[in-house]
Amino acid sequence: MPPLPTGKALDAELVDLWARRDRLTPAEWERLYQIVFAVLGKYQPNELSGLPEDRAFYIQDFFANKVM
């Protein structure tokens, strides 16, 4: 996995992938997933502390239901 860019470069990559999400290649879908997982994985919202599953479960659920 290539390292994630930061700042404006990350924003630009994410905007590009998002805009083309209806025609992404499997590799581009994987990259979009990696970006979403990395970004959301850094957040520590209090709401997750009382839920039974780990953070990865909820990030995957978000990706499947909101991104794909």
C-alpha atoms as a PDB file:
ATOM      1  CA  MET A   1       0.000   0.000   0.000  1.00  0.00           C
ATOM      2  CA  PRO A   2       1.475   3.357  -0.963  1.00  0.00           C
ATOM      3  CA  PRO A   3       1.685   5.776   1.936  1.00  0.00           C
ATOM      4  CA  LEU A   4      -1.163   8.187   2.314  1.00  0.00           C
ATOM      5  CA  PRO A   5      -0.454  11.701   1.162  1.00  0.00           C
ATOM      6  CA  THR A   6      -1.237  14.493   3.568  1.00  0.00           C
ATOM      7  CA  GLY A   7      -3.028  17.808   3.416  1.00  0.00           C
ATOM      8  CA  LYS A   8      -4.021  19.054   0.009  1.00  0.00           C
ATOM      9  CA  ALA A   9      -2.594  16.013  -1.776  1.00  0.00           C
ATOM     10  CA  LEU A  10      -4.819  13.691   0.277  1.00  0.00           C
ATOM     11  CA  ASP A  11      -7.816  15.955  -0.306  1.00  0.00           C
ATOM     12  CA  ALA A  12      -7.152  15.976  -4.062  1.00  0.00           C
ATOM     13  CA  GLU A  13      -6.836  12.183  -4.241  1.00  0.00           C
ATOM     14  CA  LEU A  14      -9.997  11.681  -2.209  1.00  0.00           C
ATOM     15  CA  VAL A  15     -11.980  14.190  -4.287  1.00  0.00           C
ATOM     16  CA  ASP A  16     -10.824  12.499  -7.492  1.00  0.00           C
ATOM     17  CA  LEU A  17     -11.739   8.999  -6.302  1.00  0.00           C
ATOM     18  CA  TRP A  18     -15.073  10.181  -4.912  1.00  0.00           C
ATOM     19  CA  ALA A  19     -16.016  11.922  -8.149  1.00  0.00           C
ATOM     20  CA  ARG A  20     -15.284   8.755 -10.146  1.00  0.00           C
ATOM     21  CA  ARG A  21     -16.664   6.210  -7.673  1.00  0.00           C
ATOM     22  CA  ASP A  22     -19.245   4.902 -10.141  1.00  0.00           C
ATOM     23  CA  ARG A  23     -16.447   3.700 -12.427  1.00  0.00           C
ATOM     24  CA  LEU A  24     -13.476   2.905 -10.172  1.00  0.00           C
ATOM     25  CA  THR A  25     -11.225  -0.054 -10.847  1.00  0.00           C
ATOM     26  CA  PRO A  26     -10.801  -2.640  -8.070  1.00  0.00           C
ATOM     27  CA  ALA A  27      -7.413  -1.091  -7.203  1.00  0.00           C
ATOM     28  CA  GLU A  28      -8.991   2.360  -6.946  1.00  0.00           C
ATOM     29  CA  TRP A  29     -11.763   1.007  -4.703  1.00  0.00           C
ATOM     30  CA  GLU A  30      -9.060  -0.469  -2.481  1.00  0.00           C
ATOM     31  CA  ARG A  31      -7.267   2.872  -2.367  1.00  0.00           C
ATOM     32  CA  LEU A  32     -10.490   4.698  -1.480  1.00  0.00           C
ATOM     33  CA  TYR A  33     -11.108   2.159   1.294  1.00  0.00           C
ATOM     34  CA  GLN A  34      -7.562   2.641   2.610  1.00  0.00           C
ATOM     35  CA  ILE A  35      -8.005   6.400   2.732  1.00  0.00           C
ATOM     36  CA  VAL A  36     -11.396   6.216   4.450  1.00  0.00           C
ATOM     37  CA  PHE A  37     -10.132   3.625   6.942  1.00  0.00           C
ATOM     38  CA  ALA A  38      -7.006   5.632   7.757  1.00  0.00           C
ATOM     39  CA  VAL A  39      -8.886   8.888   8.212  1.00  0.00           C
ATOM     40  CA  LEU A  40     -11.767   7.475  10.257  1.00  0.00           C
ATOM     41  CA  GLY A  41      -9.454   5.215  12.245  1.00  0.00           C
ATOM     42  CA  LYS A  42      -7.807   8.272  13.801  1.00  0.00           C
ATOM     43  CA  TYR A  43     -11.032   9.512  15.355  1.00  0.00           C
ATOM     44  CA  GLN A  44     -11.892   8.447  18.894  1.00  0.00           C
ATOM     45  CA  PRO A  45     -15.537   9.476  19.343  1.00  0.00           C
ATOM     46  CA  ASN A  46     -17.021   8.775  22.759  1.00  0.00           C
ATOM     47  CA  GLU A  47     -20.089   7.240  21.087  1.00  0.00           C
ATOM     48  CA  LEU A  48     -18.055   4.210  20.016  1.00  0.00           C
ATOM     49  CA  SER A  49     -16.839   3.380  23.515  1.00  0.00           C
ATOM     50  CA  GLY A  50     -20.147   1.823  24.558  1.00  0.00           C
ATOM     51  CA  LEU A  51     -20.706  -0.217  21.405  1.00  0.00           C
ATOM     52  CA  PRO A  52     -19.951  -3.939  21.307  1.00  0.00           C
ATOM     53  CA  GLU A  53     -17.816  -4.108  18.145  1.00  0.00           C
ATOM     54  CA  ASP A  54     -14.358  -2.655  17.550  1.00  0.00           C
ATOM     55  CA  ARG A  55     -13.798   0.478  15.493  1.00  0.00           C
ATOM     56  CA  ALA A  56     -12.811  -1.458  12.335  1.00  0.00           C
ATOM     57  CA  PHE A  57     -16.265  -3.058  12.201  1.00  0.00           C
ATOM     58  CA  TYR A  58     -18.001   0.317  12.198  1.00  0.00           C
ATOM     59  CA  ILE A  59     -15.634   1.797   9.623  1.00  0.00           C
ATOM     60  CA  GLN A  60     -16.267  -1.155   7.293  1.00  0.00           C
ATOM     61  CA  ASP A  61     -20.006  -0.802   7.847  1.00  0.00           C
ATOM     62  CA  PHE A  62     -19.832   2.926   7.060  1.00  0.00           C
ATOM     63  CA  PHE A  63     -17.851   2.245   3.895  1.00  0.00           C
ATOM     64  CA  ALA A  64     -20.242  -0.433   2.666  1.00  0.00           C
ATOM     65  CA  ASN A  65     -23.389   1.574   3.436  1.00  0.00           C
ATOM     66  CA  LYS A  66     -22.358   5.151   2.709  1.00  0.00           C
ATOM     67  CA  VAL A  67     -19.480   5.038   0.221  1.00  0.00           C
ATOM     68  CA  MET A  68     -20.176   2.094  -2.047  1.00  0.00           C
END
